PDB file of N, CA and C in Angstrom:
ATOM      1  N   MET A   1       4.886  -0.196  91.978  1.00  0.00           N
ATOM      2  CA  MET A   1       5.604  -0.886  90.985  1.00  0.00           C
ATOM      3  C   MET A   1       5.877   0.016  89.766  1.00  0.00           C
ATOM      4  N   LYS A   2       4.815   0.755  89.369  1.00  0.00           N
ATOM      5  CA  LYS A   2       4.951   1.651  88.203  1.00  0.00           C
ATOM      6  C   LYS A   2       5.970   2.750  88.524  1.00  0.00           C
ATOM      7  N   ILE A   3       5.988   3.223  89.759  1.00  0.00           N
ATOM      8  CA  ILE A   3       6.917   4.241  90.111  1.00  0.00           C
ATOM      9  C   ILE A   3       8.354   3.739  90.089  1.00  0.00           C
ATOM     10  N   LEU A   4       8.524   2.483  90.487  1.00  0.00           N
ATOM     11  CA  LEU A   4       9.874   1.852  90.458  1.00  0.00           C
ATOM     12  C   LEU A   4      10.378   1.716  89.050  1.00  0.00           C
ATOM     13  N   VAL A   5       9.540   1.311  88.119  1.00  0.00           N
ATOM     14  CA  VAL A   5       9.910   1.197  86.693  1.00  0.00           C
ATOM     15  C   VAL A   5      10.271   2.538  86.114  1.00  0.00           C
ATOM     16  N   LYS A   6       9.417   3.557  86.445  1.00  0.00           N
ATOM     17  CA  LYS A   6       9.707   4.896  85.911  1.00  0.00           C
ATOM     18  C   LYS A   6      11.037   5.428  86.445  1.00  0.00           C
ATOM     19  N   SER A   7      11.285   5.230  87.722  1.00  0.00           N
ATOM     20  CA  SER A   7      12.526   5.728  88.327  1.00  0.00           C
ATOM     21  C   SER A   7      13.757   4.998  87.763  1.00  0.00           C
ATOM     22  N   ILE A   8      13.638   3.673  87.550  1.00  0.00           N
ATOM     23  CA  ILE A   8      14.698   2.917  86.942  1.00  0.00           C
ATOM     24  C   ILE A   8      15.003   3.393  85.513  1.00  0.00           C
ATOM     25  N   THR A   9      13.924   3.677  84.802  1.00  0.00           N
ATOM     26  CA  THR A   9      14.080   4.117  83.384  1.00  0.00           C
ATOM     27  C   THR A   9      14.762   5.489  83.355  1.00  0.00           C
ATOM     28  N   ILE A  10      14.392   6.358  84.252  1.00  0.00           N
ATOM     29  CA  ILE A  10      14.984   7.715  84.311  1.00  0.00           C
ATOM     30  C   ILE A  10      16.450   7.618  84.675  1.00  0.00           C
ATOM     31  N   VAL A  11      16.806   6.807  85.663  1.00  0.00           N
ATOM     32  CA  VAL A  11      18.192   6.645  86.103  1.00  0.00           C
ATOM     33  C   VAL A  11      19.000   6.032  84.965  1.00  0.00           C
ATOM     34  N   ALA A  12      18.427   5.050  84.272  1.00  0.00           N
ATOM     35  CA  ALA A  12      19.148   4.400  83.143  1.00  0.00           C
ATOM     36  C   ALA A  12      19.398   5.425  82.052  1.00  0.00           C
ATOM     37  N   CYS A  13      18.376   6.238  81.726  1.00  0.00           N
ATOM     38  CA  CYS A  13      18.569   7.260  80.667  1.00  0.00           C
ATOM     39  C   CYS A  13      19.683   8.291  81.036  1.00  0.00           C
ATOM     40  N   LEU A  14      19.676   8.717  82.321  1.00  0.00           N
ATOM     41  CA  LEU A  14      20.692   9.642  82.757  1.00  0.00           C
ATOM     42  C   LEU A  14      22.069   8.978  82.683  1.00  0.00           C
ATOM     43  N   ALA A  15      22.169   7.738  83.036  1.00  0.00           N
ATOM     44  CA  ALA A  15      23.438   7.040  83.053  1.00  0.00           C
ATOM     45  C   ALA A  15      23.936   6.880  81.578  1.00  0.00           C
ATOM     46  N   MET A  16      23.017   6.573  80.702  1.00  0.00           N
ATOM     47  CA  MET A  16      23.407   6.357  79.297  1.00  0.00           C
ATOM     48  C   MET A  16      23.832   7.682  78.667  1.00  0.00           C
ATOM     49  N   SER A  17      23.168   8.760  79.007  1.00  0.00           N
ATOM     50  CA  SER A  17      23.540  10.081  78.420  1.00  0.00           C
ATOM     51  C   SER A  17      24.958  10.499  78.835  1.00  0.00           C
ATOM     52  N   GLY A  18      25.321  10.216  80.120  1.00  0.00           N
ATOM     53  CA  GLY A  18      26.666  10.512  80.527  1.00  0.00           C
ATOM     54  C   GLY A  18      27.688   9.652  79.835  1.00  0.00           C
ATOM     55  N   PHE A  19      27.333   8.378  79.575  1.00  0.00           N
ATOM     56  CA  PHE A  19      28.226   7.498  78.869  1.00  0.00           C
ATOM     57  C   PHE A  19      28.396   7.925  77.435  1.00  0.00           C
ATOM     58  N   ALA A  20      27.322   8.373  76.814  1.00  0.00           N
ATOM     59  CA  ALA A  20      27.353   8.795  75.415  1.00  0.00           C
ATOM     60  C   ALA A  20      28.224  10.072  75.265  1.00  0.00           C
ATOM     61  N   LEU A  21      28.134  10.966  76.240  1.00  0.00           N
ATOM     62  CA  LEU A  21      28.994  12.134  76.183  1.00  0.00           C
ATOM     63  C   LEU A  21      30.453  11.781  76.345  1.00  0.00           C
ATOM     64  N   ALA A  22      30.742  10.826  77.219  1.00  0.00           N
ATOM     65  CA  ALA A  22      32.124  10.394  77.453  1.00  0.00           C
ATOM     66  C   ALA A  22      32.689   9.724  76.181  1.00  0.00           C
ATOM     67  N   VAL A  23      31.892   9.016  75.480  1.00  0.00           N
ATOM     68  CA  VAL A  23      32.346   8.315  74.274  1.00  0.00           C
ATOM     69  C   VAL A  23      32.538   9.305  73.147  1.00  0.00           C
ATOM     70  N   SER A  24      31.646  10.309  73.055  1.00  0.00           N
ATOM     71  CA  SER A  24      31.712  11.202  71.898  1.00  0.00           C
ATOM     72  C   SER A  24      32.723  12.340  72.023  1.00  0.00           C
ATOM     73  N   ASN A  25      33.235  12.575  73.210  1.00  0.00           N
ATOM     74  CA  ASN A  25      34.235  13.642  73.401  1.00  0.00           C
ATOM     75  C   ASN A  25      35.561  13.170  72.828  1.00  0.00           C
ATOM     76  N   PRO A  26      36.105  13.936  71.860  1.00  0.00           N
ATOM     77  CA  PRO A  26      37.363  13.493  71.257  1.00  0.00           C
ATOM     78  C   PRO A  26      38.533  13.727  72.201  1.00  0.00           C
ATOM     79  N   THR A  27      39.566  12.955  72.015  1.00  0.00           N
ATOM     80  CA  THR A  27      40.764  13.157  72.782  1.00  0.00           C
ATOM     81  C   THR A  27      41.520  14.331  72.211  1.00  0.00           C
ATOM     82  N   GLU A  28      42.528  14.745  72.880  1.00  0.00           N
ATOM     83  CA  GLU A  28      43.343  15.863  72.359  1.00  0.00           C
ATOM     84  C   GLU A  28      43.904  15.539  71.005  1.00  0.00           C
ATOM     85  N   PRO A  29      43.782  16.401  70.061  1.00  0.00           N
ATOM     86  CA  PRO A  29      44.362  16.146  68.726  1.00  0.00           C
ATOM     87  C   PRO A  29      45.873  16.111  68.814  1.00  0.00           C
ATOM     88  N   THR A  30      46.455  15.256  68.063  1.00  0.00           N
ATOM     89  CA  THR A  30      47.930  15.181  68.044  1.00  0.00           C
ATOM     90  C   THR A  30      48.501  16.353  67.264  1.00  0.00           C
ATOM     91  N   GLN A  31      49.535  16.874  67.701  1.00  0.00           N
ATOM     92  CA  GLN A  31      50.196  18.014  67.051  1.00  0.00           C
ATOM     93  C   GLN A  31      50.976  17.496  65.834  1.00  0.00           C
ATOM     94  N   VAL A  32      50.599  17.970  64.650  1.00  0.00           N
ATOM     95  CA  VAL A  32      51.323  17.574  63.439  1.00  0.00           C
ATOM     96  C   VAL A  32      52.263  18.677  63.085  1.00  0.00           C
ATOM     97  N   ASN A  33      53.527  18.372  63.124  1.00  0.00           N
ATOM     98  CA  ASN A  33      54.544  19.380  62.730  1.00  0.00           C
ATOM     99  C   ASN A  33      54.806  19.301  61.238  1.00  0.00           C
ATOM    100  N   PRO A  34      54.750  20.424  60.586  1.00  0.00           N
ATOM    101  CA  PRO A  34      55.033  20.382  59.144  1.00  0.00           C
ATOM    102  C   PRO A  34      56.528  20.072  58.917  1.00  0.00           C
ATOM    103  N   THR A  35      56.702  19.362  57.859  1.00  0.00           N
ATOM    104  CA  THR A  35      58.073  18.979  57.514  1.00  0.00           C
ATOM    105  C   THR A  35      58.527  19.836  56.334  1.00  0.00           C
ATOM    106  N   ASN A  36      59.698  20.298  56.434  1.00  0.00           N
ATOM    107  CA  ASN A  36      60.292  21.093  55.367  1.00  0.00           C
ATOM    108  C   ASN A  36      61.005  20.189  54.419  1.00  0.00           C
ATOM    109  N   LEU A  37      60.593  20.198  53.147  1.00  0.00           N
ATOM    110  CA  LEU A  37      61.381  19.509  52.188  1.00  0.00           C
ATOM    111  C   LEU A  37      62.568  20.365  51.879  1.00  0.00           C
ATOM    112  N   ALA A  38      63.445  19.930  51.109  1.00  0.00           N
ATOM    113  CA  ALA A  38      64.696  20.662  50.841  1.00  0.00           C
ATOM    114  C   ALA A  38      64.308  22.012  50.174  1.00  0.00           C
ATOM    115  N   THR A  39      64.948  23.079  50.650  1.00  0.00           N
ATOM    116  CA  THR A  39      64.730  24.356  50.059  1.00  0.00           C
ATOM    117  C   THR A  39      65.553  24.520  48.786  1.00  0.00           C
ATOM    118  N   ALA A  40      65.301  25.554  48.063  1.00  0.00           N
ATOM    119  CA  ALA A  40      66.001  25.808  46.827  1.00  0.00           C
ATOM    120  C   ALA A  40      67.508  25.928  47.051  1.00  0.00           C
ATOM    121  N   ALA A  41      67.885  26.560  48.157  1.00  0.00           N
ATOM    122  CA  ALA A  41      69.302  26.691  48.456  1.00  0.00           C
ATOM    123  C   ALA A  41      69.944  25.361  48.726  1.00  0.00           C
ATOM    124  N   GLN A  42      69.257  24.451  49.360  1.00  0.00           N
ATOM    125  CA  GLN A  42      69.825  23.141  49.663  1.00  0.00           C
ATOM    126  C   GLN A  42      69.926  22.275  48.426  1.00  0.00           C
ATOM    127  N   ASN A  43      69.034  22.498  47.453  1.00  0.00           N
ATOM    128  CA  ASN A  43      69.084  21.745  46.205  1.00  0.00           C
ATOM    129  C   ASN A  43      69.947  22.343  45.138  1.00  0.00           C
ATOM    130  N   ASN A  44      70.484  23.554  45.413  1.00  0.00           N
ATOM    131  CA  ASN A  44      71.249  24.303  44.419  1.00  0.00           C
ATOM    132  C   ASN A  44      70.418  24.615  43.227  1.00  0.00           C
ATOM    133  N   THR A  45      69.116  24.786  43.405  1.00  0.00           N
ATOM    134  CA  THR A  45      68.204  25.154  42.354  1.00  0.00           C
ATOM    135  C   THR A  45      68.269  26.625  42.067  1.00  0.00           C
ATOM    136  N   GLN A  46      68.306  26.953  40.825  1.00  0.00           N
ATOM    137  CA  GLN A  46      68.368  28.354  40.382  1.00  0.00           C
ATOM    138  C   GLN A  46      67.316  28.644  39.332  1.00  0.00           C
ATOM    139  N   ILE A  47      67.034  29.900  39.086  1.00  0.00           N
ATOM    140  CA  ILE A  47      66.099  30.345  38.068  1.00  0.00           C
ATOM    141  C   ILE A  47      66.918  31.038  36.993  1.00  0.00           C
ATOM    142  N   PHE A  48      66.738  30.597  35.760  1.00  0.00           N
ATOM    143  CA  PHE A  48      67.432  31.146  34.593  1.00  0.00           C
ATOM    144  C   PHE A  48      66.433  31.772  33.658  1.00  0.00           C
ATOM    145  N   HIS A  49      66.813  32.928  33.086  1.00  0.00           N
ATOM    146  CA  HIS A  49      65.947  33.660  32.146  1.00  0.00           C
ATOM    147  C   HIS A  49      66.652  33.660  30.794  1.00  0.00           C
ATOM    148  N   GLY A  50      65.905  33.377  29.717  1.00  0.00           N
ATOM    149  CA  GLY A  50      66.511  33.464  28.412  1.00  0.00           C
ATOM    150  C   GLY A  50      65.598  32.875  27.340  1.00  0.00           C
ATOM    151  N   ILE A  51      66.188  32.655  26.159  1.00  0.00           N
ATOM    152  CA  ILE A  51      65.422  32.110  25.000  1.00  0.00           C
ATOM    153  C   ILE A  51      65.977  30.723  24.673  1.00  0.00           C
ATOM    154  N   VAL A  52      65.069  29.810  24.430  1.00  0.00           N
ATOM    155  CA  VAL A  52      65.354  28.457  24.119  1.00  0.00           C
ATOM    156  C   VAL A  52      65.569  28.368  22.593  1.00  0.00           C
ATOM    157  N   LYS A  53      66.703  27.817  22.199  1.00  0.00           N
ATOM    158  CA  LYS A  53      67.027  27.643  20.764  1.00  0.00           C
ATOM    159  C   LYS A  53      67.608  26.272  20.526  1.00  0.00           C
ATOM    160  N   ARG A  54      67.548  25.878  19.287  1.00  0.00           N
ATOM    161  CA  ARG A  54      68.049  24.543  18.908  1.00  0.00           C
ATOM    162  C   ARG A  54      69.600  24.538  18.804  1.00  0.00           C
ATOM    163  N   LEU A  55      70.162  23.419  19.235  1.00  0.00           N
ATOM    164  CA  LEU A  55      71.550  23.140  19.029  1.00  0.00           C
ATOM    165  C   LEU A  55      71.623  21.922  18.085  1.00  0.00           C
ATOM    166  N   ASP A  56      72.868  21.541  17.692  1.00  0.00           N
ATOM    167  CA  ASP A  56      72.995  20.351  16.871  1.00  0.00           C
ATOM    168  C   ASP A  56      72.471  19.070  17.498  1.00  0.00           C
ATOM    169  N   ASP A  57      72.709  18.957  18.791  1.00  0.00           N
ATOM    170  CA  ASP A  57      72.336  17.723  19.515  1.00  0.00           C
ATOM    171  C   ASP A  57      71.209  17.920  20.492  1.00  0.00           C
ATOM    172  N   GLY A  58      70.410  18.961  20.397  1.00  0.00           N
ATOM    173  CA  GLY A  58      69.307  19.195  21.346  1.00  0.00           C
ATOM    174  C   GLY A  58      68.924  20.615  21.397  1.00  0.00           C
ATOM    175  N   MET A  59      68.504  21.026  22.600  1.00  0.00           N
ATOM    176  CA  MET A  59      68.061  22.425  22.806  1.00  0.00           C
ATOM    177  C   MET A  59      68.913  23.059  23.861  1.00  0.00           C
ATOM    178  N   ALA A  60      68.995  24.369  23.868  1.00  0.00           N
ATOM    179  CA  ALA A  60      69.830  25.132  24.847  1.00  0.00           C
ATOM    180  C   ALA A  60      69.114  26.398  25.229  1.00  0.00           C
ATOM    181  N   LEU A  61      69.390  26.854  26.400  1.00  0.00           N
ATOM    182  CA  LEU A  61      68.886  28.111  26.904  1.00  0.00           C
ATOM    183  C   LEU A  61      69.979  29.182  26.714  1.00  0.00           C
ATOM    184  N   TYR A  62      69.645  30.173  25.925  1.00  0.00           N
ATOM    185  CA  TYR A  62      70.592  31.286  25.685  1.00  0.00           C
ATOM    186  C   TYR A  62      70.259  32.404  26.666  1.00  0.00           C
ATOM    187  N   THR A  63      71.120  32.635  27.662  1.00  0.00           N
ATOM    188  CA  THR A  63      70.955  33.712  28.576  1.00  0.00           C
ATOM    189  C   THR A  63      71.863  34.866  28.186  1.00  0.00           C
ATOM    190  N   ALA A  64      71.836  35.976  28.959  1.00  0.00           N
ATOM    191  CA  ALA A  64      72.685  37.100  28.685  1.00  0.00           C
ATOM    192  C   ALA A  64      74.125  36.777  28.873  1.00  0.00           C
ATOM    193  N   LYS A  65      74.392  35.812  29.770  1.00  0.00           N
ATOM    194  CA  LYS A  65      75.839  35.507  30.115  1.00  0.00           C
ATOM    195  C   LYS A  65      76.382  34.245  29.456  1.00  0.00           C
ATOM    196  N   GLU A  66      75.544  33.248  29.249  1.00  0.00           N
ATOM    197  CA  GLU A  66      76.049  31.946  28.809  1.00  0.00           C
ATOM    198  C   GLU A  66      74.986  31.161  28.097  1.00  0.00           C
ATOM    199  N   VAL A  67      75.389  30.087  27.454  1.00  0.00           N
ATOM    200  CA  VAL A  67      74.494  29.130  26.809  1.00  0.00           C
ATOM    201  C   VAL A  67      74.502  27.842  27.562  1.00  0.00           C
ATOM    202  N   TYR A  68      73.322  27.363  27.952  1.00  0.00           N
ATOM    203  CA  TYR A  68      73.226  26.124  28.757  1.00  0.00           C
ATOM    204  C   TYR A  68      72.427  25.096  27.999  1.00  0.00           C
ATOM    205  N   PRO A  69      73.088  23.979  27.606  1.00  0.00           N
ATOM    206  CA  PRO A  69      72.268  22.875  27.016  1.00  0.00           C
ATOM    207  C   PRO A  69      71.251  22.344  28.043  1.00  0.00           C
ATOM    208  N   LEU A  70      70.080  22.012  27.561  1.00  0.00           N
ATOM    209  CA  LEU A  70      69.003  21.582  28.442  1.00  0.00           C
ATOM    210  C   LEU A  70      68.898  20.051  28.470  1.00  0.00           C
ATOM    211  N   ILE A  71      68.768  19.490  29.691  1.00  0.00           N
ATOM    212  CA  ILE A  71      68.558  18.068  29.812  1.00  0.00           C
ATOM    213  C   ILE A  71      67.391  17.824  30.738  1.00  0.00           C
ATOM    214  N   GLY A  72      66.671  16.739  30.520  1.00  0.00           N
ATOM    215  CA  GLY A  72      65.552  16.403  31.383  1.00  0.00           C
ATOM    216  C   GLY A  72      64.211  16.474  30.772  1.00  0.00           C
ATOM    217  N   GLY A  73      64.143  16.456  29.436  1.00  0.00           N
ATOM    218  CA  GLY A  73      62.804  16.488  28.788  1.00  0.00           C
ATOM    219  C   GLY A  73      62.904  16.771  27.363  1.00  0.00           C
ATOM    220  N   ASN A  74      61.735  16.916  26.743  1.00  0.00           N
ATOM    221  CA  ASN A  74      61.583  17.257  25.320  1.00  0.00           C
ATOM    222  C   ASN A  74      61.218  18.726  25.254  1.00  0.00           C
ATOM    223  N   PHE A  75      62.035  19.561  24.684  1.00  0.00           N
ATOM    224  CA  PHE A  75      61.850  21.016  24.713  1.00  0.00           C
ATOM    225  C   PHE A  75      61.497  21.582  23.346  1.00  0.00           C
ATOM    226  N   ASP A  76      61.039  20.745  22.401  1.00  0.00           N
ATOM    227  CA  ASP A  76      60.702  21.211  21.072  1.00  0.00           C
ATOM    228  C   ASP A  76      59.568  22.222  21.060  1.00  0.00           C
ATOM    229  N   MET A  77      58.607  22.111  21.990  1.00  0.00           N
ATOM    230  CA  MET A  77      57.481  22.995  22.036  1.00  0.00           C
ATOM    231  C   MET A  77      57.803  24.404  22.417  1.00  0.00           C
ATOM    232  N   ILE A  78      58.921  24.591  23.106  1.00  0.00           N
ATOM    233  CA  ILE A  78      59.269  25.972  23.579  1.00  0.00           C
ATOM    234  C   ILE A  78      60.417  26.558  22.788  1.00  0.00           C
ATOM    235  N   ALA A  79      60.772  26.004  21.617  1.00  0.00           N
ATOM    236  CA  ALA A  79      61.881  26.528  20.842  1.00  0.00           C
ATOM    237  C   ALA A  79      61.547  27.944  20.375  1.00  0.00           C
ATOM    238  N   GLY A  80      62.469  28.846  20.590  1.00  0.00           N
ATOM    239  CA  GLY A  80      62.321  30.246  20.176  1.00  0.00           C
ATOM    240  C   GLY A  80      61.539  31.094  21.096  1.00  0.00           C
ATOM    241  N   LYS A  81      61.138  30.587  22.252  1.00  0.00           N
ATOM    242  CA  LYS A  81      60.370  31.334  23.255  1.00  0.00           C
ATOM    243  C   LYS A  81      61.221  31.842  24.397  1.00  0.00           C
ATOM    244  N   ASN A  82      60.795  32.969  24.959  1.00  0.00           N
ATOM    245  CA  ASN A  82      61.424  33.535  26.113  1.00  0.00           C
ATOM    246  C   ASN A  82      60.807  32.872  27.373  1.00  0.00           C
ATOM    247  N   VAL A  83      61.687  32.307  28.220  1.00  0.00           N
ATOM    248  CA  VAL A  83      61.206  31.466  29.307  1.00  0.00           C
ATOM    249  C   VAL A  83      62.019  31.743  30.566  1.00  0.00           C
ATOM    250  N   ASN A  84      61.411  31.371  31.700  1.00  0.00           N
ATOM    251  CA  ASN A  84      62.079  31.261  32.951  1.00  0.00           C
ATOM    252  C   ASN A  84      62.185  29.766  33.283  1.00  0.00           C
ATOM    253  N   ILE A  85      63.357  29.290  33.534  1.00  0.00           N
ATOM    254  CA  ILE A  85      63.557  27.857  33.799  1.00  0.00           C
ATOM    255  C   ILE A  85      64.147  27.713  35.219  1.00  0.00           C
ATOM    256  N   THR A  86      63.490  26.886  35.993  1.00  0.00           N
ATOM    257  CA  THR A  86      63.969  26.560  37.328  1.00  0.00           C
ATOM    258  C   THR A  86      64.693  25.232  37.147  1.00  0.00           C
ATOM    259  N   GLY A  87      65.958  25.175  37.595  1.00  0.00           N
ATOM    260  CA  GLY A  87      66.735  23.969  37.448  1.00  0.00           C
ATOM    261  C   GLY A  87      68.062  23.992  38.203  1.00  0.00           C
ATOM    262  N   LYS A  88      68.850  23.016  37.895  1.00  0.00           N
ATOM    263  CA  LYS A  88      70.107  22.843  38.577  1.00  0.00           C
ATOM    264  C   LYS A  88      71.184  22.670  37.536  1.00  0.00           C
ATOM    265  N   LEU A  89      72.290  23.369  37.755  1.00  0.00           N
ATOM    266  CA  LEU A  89      73.455  23.214  36.849  1.00  0.00           C
ATOM    267  C   LEU A  89      74.203  21.943  37.178  1.00  0.00           C
ATOM    268  N   VAL A  90      74.501  21.172  36.140  1.00  0.00           N
ATOM    269  CA  VAL A  90      75.226  19.890  36.267  1.00  0.00           C
ATOM    270  C   VAL A  90      76.430  19.995  35.342  1.00  0.00           C
ATOM    271  N   GLU A  91      77.592  19.642  35.875  1.00  0.00           N
ATOM    272  CA  GLU A  91      78.787  19.712  35.043  1.00  0.00           C
ATOM    273  C   GLU A  91      79.076  18.335  34.469  1.00  0.00           C
ATOM    274  N   ILE A  92      78.941  18.190  33.158  1.00  0.00           N
ATOM    275  CA  ILE A  92      79.167  16.940  32.477  1.00  0.00           C
ATOM    276  C   ILE A  92      80.373  17.130  31.584  1.00  0.00           C
ATOM    277  N   GLY A  93      81.447  16.466  31.859  1.00  0.00           N
ATOM    278  CA  GLY A  93      82.681  16.688  31.081  1.00  0.00           C
ATOM    279  C   GLY A  93      83.205  18.083  31.442  1.00  0.00           C
ATOM    280  N   ASN A  94      83.388  18.881  30.379  1.00  0.00           N
ATOM    281  CA  ASN A  94      83.880  20.256  30.644  1.00  0.00           C
ATOM    282  C   ASN A  94      82.787  21.297  30.351  1.00  0.00           C
ATOM    283  N   SER A  95      81.535  20.866  30.214  1.00  0.00           N
ATOM    284  CA  SER A  95      80.447  21.827  29.942  1.00  0.00           C
ATOM    285  C   SER A  95      79.418  21.768  31.051  1.00  0.00           C
ATOM    286  N   LYS A  96      78.783  22.922  31.278  1.00  0.00           N
ATOM    287  CA  LYS A  96      77.709  23.029  32.239  1.00  0.00           C
ATOM    288  C   LYS A  96      76.415  22.833  31.496  1.00  0.00           C
ATOM    289  N   GLN A  97      75.562  21.917  31.988  1.00  0.00           N
ATOM    290  CA  GLN A  97      74.254  21.646  31.417  1.00  0.00           C
ATOM    291  C   GLN A  97      73.220  21.956  32.480  1.00  0.00           C
ATOM    292  N   LEU A  98      72.013  22.278  32.034  1.00  0.00           N
ATOM    293  CA  LEU A  98      70.947  22.689  32.913  1.00  0.00           C
ATOM    294  C   LEU A  98      69.924  21.578  32.988  1.00  0.00           C
ATOM    295  N   THR A  99      69.772  20.989  34.193  1.00  0.00           N
ATOM    296  CA  THR A  99      68.714  20.016  34.409  1.00  0.00           C
ATOM    297  C   THR A  99      67.432  20.764  34.759  1.00  0.00           C
ATOM    298  N   VAL A 100      66.424  20.600  33.934  1.00  0.00           N
ATOM    299  CA  VAL A 100      65.215  21.391  34.059  1.00  0.00           C
ATOM    300  C   VAL A 100      64.233  20.751  35.029  1.00  0.00           C
ATOM    301  N   LYS A 101      63.732  21.576  35.959  1.00  0.00           N
ATOM    302  CA  LYS A 101      62.698  21.116  36.873  1.00  0.00           C
ATOM    303  C   LYS A 101      61.330  21.727  36.502  1.00  0.00           C
ATOM    304  N   ARG A 102      61.354  22.966  36.096  1.00  0.00           N
ATOM    305  CA  ARG A 102      60.104  23.655  35.795  1.00  0.00           C
ATOM    306  C   ARG A 102      60.372  24.739  34.741  1.00  0.00           C
ATOM    307  N   ILE A 103      59.384  24.973  33.848  1.00  0.00           N
ATOM    308  CA  ILE A 103      59.493  25.998  32.830  1.00  0.00           C
ATOM    309  C   ILE A 103      58.290  26.919  32.897  1.00  0.00           C
ATOM    310  N   GLN A 104      58.548  28.215  32.828  1.00  0.00           N
ATOM    311  CA  GLN A 104      57.480  29.163  32.818  1.00  0.00           C
ATOM    312  C   GLN A 104      57.705  30.074  31.554  1.00  0.00           C
ATOM    313  N   LEU A 105      56.633  30.141  30.725  1.00  0.00           N
ATOM    314  CA  LEU A 105      56.731  31.007  29.551  1.00  0.00           C
ATOM    315  C   LEU A 105      56.518  32.441  29.876  1.00  0.00           C
ATOM    316  N   ASN A 106      57.342  33.323  29.307  1.00  0.00           N
ATOM    317  CA  ASN A 106      57.142  34.758  29.476  1.00  0.00           C
ATOM    318  C   ASN A 106      56.441  35.324  28.275  1.00  0.00           C
ATOM    319  N   ASP A 107      55.598  36.303  28.463  1.00  0.00           N
ATOM    320  CA  ASP A 107      54.890  36.929  27.355  1.00  0.00           C
ATOM    321  C   ASP A 107      55.703  38.025  26.783  1.00  0.00           C
TER     322      ASP A 107
END
């Protein structure tokens, strides 16, 4: 009788260990493909270099080629500083204005 109980216990332990391994083995991970958000070329985003100065009705970026009024924020903190601005040109009326996405100060 004792031998029968021992053998049943051993068989049960072996069966449970196989079941535990089957439960703990993960399935194949799903392949996650990265998604590309719109690139700078698709958004017409450009980088502009220049100095931010005050205009009568706001602030503007003075570049070597042109003056672009800035829209999209409060730019009083960067007045008179040399900056790189990432943004998009928007034509409002007959003037080109720069919608600002990011500002980087140059030393």
